[in-house]
């Protein structure tokens, strides 16, 4: 498994694990980001910037710290 921040833009991944606290997991669930979902990485930043993803035709920007707690695999 690889952290969300380590993927290259343009790849589709399946979320395998979310290693965050209960409040962070609830916030992700409210945005529709769940274990087992397929998302597309639109933009990443090597300098601790936000990670932009596409989840069900919705663009979502995740902070670098939160994105590091989400693990996935390329489909």
PDB file of N, CA and C in Angstrom:
ATOM      1  N   UNK A   1       0.842  -1.188   0.000  1.00  0.00           N
ATOM      2  CA  UNK A   1       0.000   0.000   0.000  1.00  0.00           C
ATOM      3  C   UNK A   1       0.882   1.245   0.000  1.00  0.00           C
ATOM      4  N   UNK A   2       0.383   2.266  -0.661  1.00  0.00           N
ATOM      5  CA  UNK A   2       1.121   3.511  -0.818  1.00  0.00           C
ATOM      6  C   UNK A   2       0.266   4.670  -0.331  1.00  0.00           C
ATOM      7  N   UNK A   3       0.918   5.677   0.250  1.00  0.00           N
ATOM      8  CA  UNK A   3       0.192   6.866   0.708  1.00  0.00           C
ATOM      9  C   UNK A   3      -0.321   7.674  -0.477  1.00  0.00           C
ATOM     10  N   UNK A   4      -1.417   8.354  -0.283  1.00  0.00           N
ATOM     11  CA  UNK A   4      -2.024   9.162  -1.337  1.00  0.00           C
ATOM     12  C   UNK A   4      -1.058  10.222  -1.870  1.00  0.00           C
ATOM     13  N   UNK A   5      -0.212  10.746  -1.005  1.00  0.00           N
ATOM     14  CA  UNK A   5       0.717  11.806  -1.401  1.00  0.00           C
ATOM     15  C   UNK A   5       1.831  11.310  -2.311  1.00  0.00           C
ATOM     16  N   UNK A   6       1.999  10.009  -2.434  1.00  0.00           N
ATOM     17  CA  UNK A   6       3.107   9.448  -3.209  1.00  0.00           C
ATOM     18  C   UNK A   6       2.716   9.023  -4.622  1.00  0.00           C
ATOM     19  N   UNK A   7       1.447   9.120  -4.968  1.00  0.00           N
ATOM     20  CA  UNK A   7       1.001   8.750  -6.305  1.00  0.00           C
ATOM     21  C   UNK A   7       1.231   9.895  -7.284  1.00  0.00           C
ATOM     22  N   UNK A   8       1.399   9.549  -8.548  1.00  0.00           N
ATOM     23  CA  UNK A   8       1.538  10.534  -9.607  1.00  0.00           C
ATOM     24  C   UNK A   8       0.144  10.967 -10.075  1.00  0.00           C
ATOM     25  N   UNK A   9       0.011  12.210 -10.531  1.00  0.00           N
ATOM     26  CA  UNK A   9      -1.283  12.655 -11.059  1.00  0.00           C
ATOM     27  C   UNK A   9      -1.726  11.810 -12.256  1.00  0.00           C
ATOM     28  N   UNK A  10      -3.030  11.588 -12.341  1.00  0.00           N
ATOM     29  CA  UNK A  10      -3.603  10.864 -13.463  1.00  0.00           C
ATOM     30  C   UNK A  10      -3.902   9.396 -13.196  1.00  0.00           C
ATOM     31  N   UNK A  11      -3.419   8.860 -12.069  1.00  0.00           N
ATOM     32  CA  UNK A  11      -3.660   7.437 -11.797  1.00  0.00           C
ATOM     33  C   UNK A  11      -4.956   7.259 -11.018  1.00  0.00           C
ATOM     34  N   UNK A  12      -5.605   6.117 -11.251  1.00  0.00           N
ATOM     35  CA  UNK A  12      -6.791   5.759 -10.475  1.00  0.00           C
ATOM     36  C   UNK A  12      -6.357   4.761  -9.423  1.00  0.00           C
ATOM     37  N   UNK A  13      -6.824   4.984  -8.205  1.00  0.00           N
ATOM     38  CA  UNK A  13      -6.449   4.092  -7.111  1.00  0.00           C
ATOM     39  C   UNK A  13      -7.691   3.633  -6.366  1.00  0.00           C
ATOM     40  N   UNK A  14      -7.532   2.532  -5.674  1.00  0.00           N
ATOM     41  CA  UNK A  14      -8.575   2.026  -4.788  1.00  0.00           C
ATOM     42  C   UNK A  14      -8.085   2.251  -3.360  1.00  0.00           C
ATOM     43  N   UNK A  15      -8.905   2.898  -2.551  1.00  0.00           N
ATOM     44  CA  UNK A  15      -8.535   3.167  -1.161  1.00  0.00           C
ATOM     45  C   UNK A  15      -8.572   1.859  -0.379  1.00  0.00           C
ATOM     46  N   UNK A  16      -7.439   1.531   0.246  1.00  0.00           N
ATOM     47  CA  UNK A  16      -7.325   0.287   0.992  1.00  0.00           C
ATOM     48  C   UNK A  16      -7.400   0.495   2.497  1.00  0.00           C
ATOM     49  N   UNK A  17      -6.929   1.651   2.976  1.00  0.00           N
ATOM     50  CA  UNK A  17      -6.864   1.864   4.424  1.00  0.00           C
ATOM     51  C   UNK A  17      -6.852   3.355   4.720  1.00  0.00           C
ATOM     52  N   UNK A  18      -7.534   3.745   5.790  1.00  0.00           N
ATOM     53  CA  UNK A  18      -7.483   5.115   6.289  1.00  0.00           C
ATOM     54  C   UNK A  18      -6.988   5.033   7.728  1.00  0.00           C
ATOM     55  N   UNK A  19      -5.789   5.529   7.954  1.00  0.00           N
ATOM     56  CA  UNK A  19      -5.142   5.443   9.262  1.00  0.00           C
ATOM     57  C   UNK A  19      -5.200   6.810   9.938  1.00  0.00           C
ATOM     58  N   UNK A  20      -6.389   7.201  10.379  1.00  0.00           N
ATOM     59  CA  UNK A  20      -6.589   8.518  10.984  1.00  0.00           C
ATOM     60  C   UNK A  20      -7.497   8.380  12.200  1.00  0.00           C
ATOM     61  N   UNK A  21      -7.624   9.461  12.923  1.00  0.00           N
ATOM     62  CA  UNK A  21      -8.500   9.485  14.084  1.00  0.00           C
ATOM     63  C   UNK A  21      -9.966   9.445  13.693  1.00  0.00           C
ATOM     64  N   UNK A  22     -10.803   9.254  14.696  1.00  0.00           N
ATOM     65  CA  UNK A  22     -12.237   9.102  14.448  1.00  0.00           C
ATOM     66  C   UNK A  22     -12.841  10.346  13.798  1.00  0.00           C
ATOM     67  N   UNK A  23     -12.456  11.515  14.253  1.00  0.00           N
ATOM     68  CA  UNK A  23     -13.010  12.753  13.681  1.00  0.00           C
ATOM     69  C   UNK A  23     -12.591  12.925  12.219  1.00  0.00           C
ATOM     70  N   UNK A  24     -11.328  12.633  11.910  1.00  0.00           N
ATOM     71  CA  UNK A  24     -10.850  12.743  10.529  1.00  0.00           C
ATOM     72  C   UNK A  24     -11.563  11.738   9.628  1.00  0.00           C
ATOM     73  N   UNK A  25     -11.759  10.523  10.128  1.00  0.00           N
ATOM     74  CA  UNK A  25     -12.465   9.502   9.351  1.00  0.00           C
ATOM     75  C   UNK A  25     -13.907   9.936   9.101  1.00  0.00           C
ATOM     76  N   UNK A  26     -14.549  10.519  10.095  1.00  0.00           N
ATOM     77  CA  UNK A  26     -15.924  11.011   9.911  1.00  0.00           C
ATOM     78  C   UNK A  26     -15.981  12.125   8.869  1.00  0.00           C
ATOM     79  N   UNK A  27     -15.010  13.037   8.903  1.00  0.00           N
ATOM     80  CA  UNK A  27     -14.962  14.105   7.896  1.00  0.00           C
ATOM     81  C   UNK A  27     -14.797  13.524   6.493  1.00  0.00           C
ATOM     82  N   UNK A  28     -13.920  12.528   6.355  1.00  0.00           N
ATOM     83  CA  UNK A  28     -13.731  11.883   5.052  1.00  0.00           C
ATOM     84  C   UNK A  28     -15.006  11.176   4.607  1.00  0.00           C
ATOM     85  N   UNK A  29     -15.677  10.520   5.537  1.00  0.00           N
ATOM     86  CA  UNK A  29     -16.934   9.843   5.199  1.00  0.00           C
ATOM     87  C   UNK A  29     -17.981  10.845   4.720  1.00  0.00           C
ATOM     88  N   UNK A  30     -18.026  12.010   5.349  1.00  0.00           N
ATOM     89  CA  UNK A  30     -18.976  13.044   4.930  1.00  0.00           C
ATOM     90  C   UNK A  30     -18.681  13.559   3.528  1.00  0.00           C
ATOM     91  N   UNK A  31     -17.422  13.459   3.103  1.00  0.00           N
ATOM     92  CA  UNK A  31     -17.035  13.861   1.746  1.00  0.00           C
ATOM     93  C   UNK A  31     -17.187  12.711   0.765  1.00  0.00           C
ATOM     94  N   UNK A  32     -17.564  11.532   1.263  1.00  0.00           N
ATOM     95  CA  UNK A  32     -17.750  10.372   0.396  1.00  0.00           C
ATOM     96  C   UNK A  32     -16.479   9.588   0.148  1.00  0.00           C
ATOM     97  N   UNK A  33     -15.459   9.791   0.967  1.00  0.00           N
ATOM     98  CA  UNK A  33     -14.192   9.077   0.807  1.00  0.00           C
ATOM     99  C   UNK A  33     -14.174   7.939   1.813  1.00  0.00           C
ATOM    100  N   UNK A  34     -14.333   6.720   1.299  1.00  0.00           N
ATOM    101  CA  UNK A  34     -14.438   5.533   2.139  1.00  0.00           C
ATOM    102  C   UNK A  34     -13.456   4.470   1.674  1.00  0.00           C
ATOM    103  N   UNK A  35     -13.110   3.561   2.567  1.00  0.00           N
ATOM    104  CA  UNK A  35     -12.295   2.419   2.189  1.00  0.00           C
ATOM    105  C   UNK A  35     -13.043   1.614   1.134  1.00  0.00           C
ATOM    106  N   UNK A  36     -12.348   1.264   0.061  1.00  0.00           N
ATOM    107  CA  UNK A  36     -12.964   0.518  -1.030  1.00  0.00           C
ATOM    108  C   UNK A  36     -13.350   1.382  -2.215  1.00  0.00           C
ATOM    109  N   UNK A  37     -13.415   2.703  -2.033  1.00  0.00           N
ATOM    110  CA  UNK A  37     -13.757   3.608  -3.128  1.00  0.00           C
ATOM    111  C   UNK A  37     -12.622   3.688  -4.139  1.00  0.00           C
ATOM    112  N   UNK A  38     -12.985   4.003  -5.371  1.00  0.00           N
ATOM    113  CA  UNK A  38     -12.014   4.268  -6.425  1.00  0.00           C
ATOM    114  C   UNK A  38     -11.971   5.767  -6.654  1.00  0.00           C
ATOM    115  N   UNK A  39     -10.773   6.334  -6.599  1.00  0.00           N
ATOM    116  CA  UNK A  39     -10.601   7.769  -6.822  1.00  0.00           C
ATOM    117  C   UNK A  39      -9.498   7.989  -7.849  1.00  0.00           C
ATOM    118  N   UNK A  40      -9.467   9.186  -8.409  1.00  0.00           N
ATOM    119  CA  UNK A  40      -8.417   9.557  -9.365  1.00  0.00           C
ATOM    120  C   UNK A  40      -7.615  10.711  -8.781  1.00  0.00           C
ATOM    121  N   UNK A  41      -6.304  10.606  -8.841  1.00  0.00           N
ATOM    122  CA  UNK A  41      -5.420  11.667  -8.365  1.00  0.00           C
ATOM    123  C   UNK A  41      -5.314  12.705  -9.476  1.00  0.00           C
ATOM    124  N   UNK A  42      -5.692  13.942  -9.192  1.00  0.00           N
ATOM    125  CA  UNK A  42      -5.627  15.008 -10.185  1.00  0.00           C
ATOM    126  C   UNK A  42      -4.350  15.830 -10.053  1.00  0.00           C
ATOM    127  N   UNK A  43      -3.938  16.102  -8.804  1.00  0.00           N
ATOM    128  CA  UNK A  43      -2.732  16.914  -8.609  1.00  0.00           C
ATOM    129  C   UNK A  43      -2.148  16.623  -7.239  1.00  0.00           C
ATOM    130  N   UNK A  44      -0.836  16.523  -7.190  1.00  0.00           N
ATOM    131  CA  UNK A  44      -0.125  16.385  -5.919  1.00  0.00           C
ATOM    132  C   UNK A  44       0.968  17.437  -5.866  1.00  0.00           C
ATOM    133  N   UNK A  45       1.473  17.672  -4.689  1.00  0.00           N
ATOM    134  CA  UNK A  45       2.552  18.634  -4.511  1.00  0.00           C
ATOM    135  C   UNK A  45       3.624  17.996  -3.645  1.00  0.00           C
ATOM    136  N   UNK A  46       4.859  18.057  -4.080  1.00  0.00           N
ATOM    137  CA  UNK A  46       5.966  17.486  -3.318  1.00  0.00           C
ATOM    138  C   UNK A  46       6.347  18.371  -2.139  1.00  0.00           C
ATOM    139  N   UNK A  47       5.849  19.597  -2.117  1.00  0.00           N
ATOM    140  CA  UNK A  47       6.212  20.551  -1.058  1.00  0.00           C
ATOM    141  C   UNK A  47       5.111  20.696  -0.023  1.00  0.00           C
ATOM    142  N   UNK A  48       4.480  19.588   0.353  1.00  0.00           N
ATOM    143  CA  UNK A  48       3.468  19.541   1.406  1.00  0.00           C
ATOM    144  C   UNK A  48       2.220  20.358   1.087  1.00  0.00           C
ATOM    145  N   UNK A  49       1.922  20.497  -0.177  1.00  0.00           N
ATOM    146  CA  UNK A  49       0.701  21.192  -0.570  1.00  0.00           C
ATOM    147  C   UNK A  49      -0.474  20.230  -0.606  1.00  0.00           C
ATOM    148  N   UNK A  50      -1.641  20.715  -0.967  1.00  0.00           N
ATOM    149  CA  UNK A  50      -2.833  19.865  -0.998  1.00  0.00           C
ATOM    150  C   UNK A  50      -2.783  18.830  -2.117  1.00  0.00           C
ATOM    151  N   UNK A  51      -3.555  17.784  -1.949  1.00  0.00           N
ATOM    152  CA  UNK A  51      -3.717  16.742  -2.962  1.00  0.00           C
ATOM    153  C   UNK A  51      -5.138  16.889  -3.508  1.00  0.00           C
ATOM    154  N   UNK A  52      -5.255  17.052  -4.817  1.00  0.00           N
ATOM    155  CA  UNK A  52      -6.555  17.216  -5.459  1.00  0.00           C
ATOM    156  C   UNK A  52      -6.970  15.870  -6.050  1.00  0.00           C
ATOM    157  N   UNK A  53      -8.155  15.389  -5.655  1.00  0.00           N
ATOM    158  CA  UNK A  53      -8.652  14.100  -6.131  1.00  0.00           C
ATOM    159  C   UNK A  53     -10.022  14.271  -6.773  1.00  0.00           C
ATOM    160  N   UNK A  54     -10.406  13.283  -7.561  1.00  0.00           N
ATOM    161  CA  UNK A  54     -11.735  13.221  -8.141  1.00  0.00           C
ATOM    162  C   UNK A  54     -12.418  12.005  -7.549  1.00  0.00           C
ATOM    163  N   UNK A  55     -13.530  12.232  -6.863  1.00  0.00           N
ATOM    164  CA  UNK A  55     -14.300  11.158  -6.236  1.00  0.00           C
ATOM    165  C   UNK A  55     -15.745  11.289  -6.693  1.00  0.00           C
ATOM    166  N   UNK A  56     -16.204  10.351  -7.507  1.00  0.00           N
ATOM    167  CA  UNK A  56     -17.582  10.389  -8.031  1.00  0.00           C
ATOM    168  C   UNK A  56     -17.899  11.704  -8.721  1.00  0.00           C
ATOM    169  N   UNK A  57     -17.041  12.121  -9.632  1.00  0.00           N
ATOM    170  CA  UNK A  57     -17.205  13.356 -10.417  1.00  0.00           C
ATOM    171  C   UNK A  57     -17.193  14.622  -9.568  1.00  0.00           C
ATOM    172  N   UNK A  58     -16.600  14.562  -8.404  1.00  0.00           N
ATOM    173  CA  UNK A  58     -16.454  15.726  -7.530  1.00  0.00           C
ATOM    174  C   UNK A  58     -14.976  15.918  -7.218  1.00  0.00           C
ATOM    175  N   UNK A  59     -14.478  17.133  -7.441  1.00  0.00           N
ATOM    176  CA  UNK A  59     -13.086  17.421  -7.105  1.00  0.00           C
ATOM    177  C   UNK A  59     -13.001  17.819  -5.639  1.00  0.00           C
ATOM    178  N   UNK A  60     -12.074  17.188  -4.929  1.00  0.00           N
ATOM    179  CA  UNK A  60     -11.892  17.434  -3.502  1.00  0.00           C
ATOM    180  C   UNK A  60     -10.415  17.694  -3.249  1.00  0.00           C
ATOM    181  N   UNK A  61     -10.119  18.756  -2.510  1.00  0.00           N
ATOM    182  CA  UNK A  61      -8.742  19.058  -2.114  1.00  0.00           C
ATOM    183  C   UNK A  61      -8.549  18.592  -0.676  1.00  0.00           C
ATOM    184  N   UNK A  62      -7.560  17.729  -0.485  1.00  0.00           N
ATOM    185  CA  UNK A  62      -7.232  17.229   0.845  1.00  0.00           C
ATOM    186  C   UNK A  62      -5.898  17.823   1.282  1.00  0.00           C
ATOM    187  N   UNK A  63      -5.820  18.235   2.524  1.00  0.00           N
ATOM    188  CA  UNK A  63      -4.552  18.719   3.054  1.00  0.00           C
ATOM    189  C   UNK A  63      -3.505  17.617   3.032  1.00  0.00           C
ATOM    190  N   UNK A  64      -2.250  18.005   2.947  1.00  0.00           N
ATOM    191  CA  UNK A  64      -1.160  17.040   2.843  1.00  0.00           C
ATOM    192  C   UNK A  64      -1.140  16.071   4.027  1.00  0.00           C
ATOM    193  N   UNK A  65      -1.333  16.570   5.234  1.00  0.00           N
ATOM    194  CA  UNK A  65      -1.306  15.721   6.421  1.00  0.00           C
ATOM    195  C   UNK A  65      -2.389  14.669   6.402  1.00  0.00           C
ATOM    196  N   UNK A  66      -3.594  15.041   6.003  1.00  0.00           N
ATOM    197  CA  UNK A  66      -4.698  14.084   5.931  1.00  0.00           C
ATOM    198  C   UNK A  66      -4.476  13.097   4.782  1.00  0.00           C
ATOM    199  N   UNK A  67      -3.991  13.583   3.652  1.00  0.00           N
ATOM    200  CA  UNK A  67      -3.753  12.709   2.496  1.00  0.00           C
ATOM    201  C   UNK A  67      -2.695  11.653   2.810  1.00  0.00           C
ATOM    202  N   UNK A  68      -1.738  11.967   3.685  1.00  0.00           N
ATOM    203  CA  UNK A  68      -0.704  10.984   4.068  1.00  0.00           C
ATOM    204  C   UNK A  68      -1.274   9.840   4.886  1.00  0.00           C
ATOM    205  N   UNK A  69      -2.456  10.014   5.439  1.00  0.00           N
ATOM    206  CA  UNK A  69      -3.075   8.977   6.269  1.00  0.00           C
ATOM    207  C   UNK A  69      -3.980   8.042   5.479  1.00  0.00           C
ATOM    208  N   UNK A  70      -4.082   8.289   4.175  1.00  0.00           N
ATOM    209  CA  UNK A  70      -4.919   7.463   3.299  1.00  0.00           C
ATOM    210  C   UNK A  70      -3.991   6.613   2.426  1.00  0.00           C
ATOM    211  N   UNK A  71      -4.239   5.311   2.425  1.00  0.00           N
ATOM    212  CA  UNK A  71      -3.401   4.368   1.672  1.00  0.00           C
ATOM    213  C   UNK A  71      -4.223   3.724   0.577  1.00  0.00           C
ATOM    214  N   UNK A  72      -3.588   3.464  -0.562  1.00  0.00           N
ATOM    215  CA  UNK A  72      -4.292   2.842  -1.665  1.00  0.00           C
ATOM    216  C   UNK A  72      -3.365   2.093  -2.578  1.00  0.00           C
ATOM    217  N   UNK A  73      -3.964   1.472  -3.610  1.00  0.00           N
ATOM    218  CA  UNK A  73      -3.232   0.736  -4.621  1.00  0.00           C
ATOM    219  C   UNK A  73      -3.747   1.136  -5.992  1.00  0.00           C
ATOM    220  N   UNK A  74      -2.843   1.168  -6.969  1.00  0.00           N
ATOM    221  CA  UNK A  74      -3.220   1.504  -8.341  1.00  0.00           C
ATOM    222  C   UNK A  74      -4.076   0.386  -8.918  1.00  0.00           C
ATOM    223  N   UNK A  75      -5.122   0.778  -9.618  1.00  0.00           N
ATOM    224  CA  UNK A  75      -6.020  -0.202 -10.255  1.00  0.00           C
ATOM    225  C   UNK A  75      -5.433  -0.583 -11.603  1.00  0.00           C
TER     226      UNK A  75
END
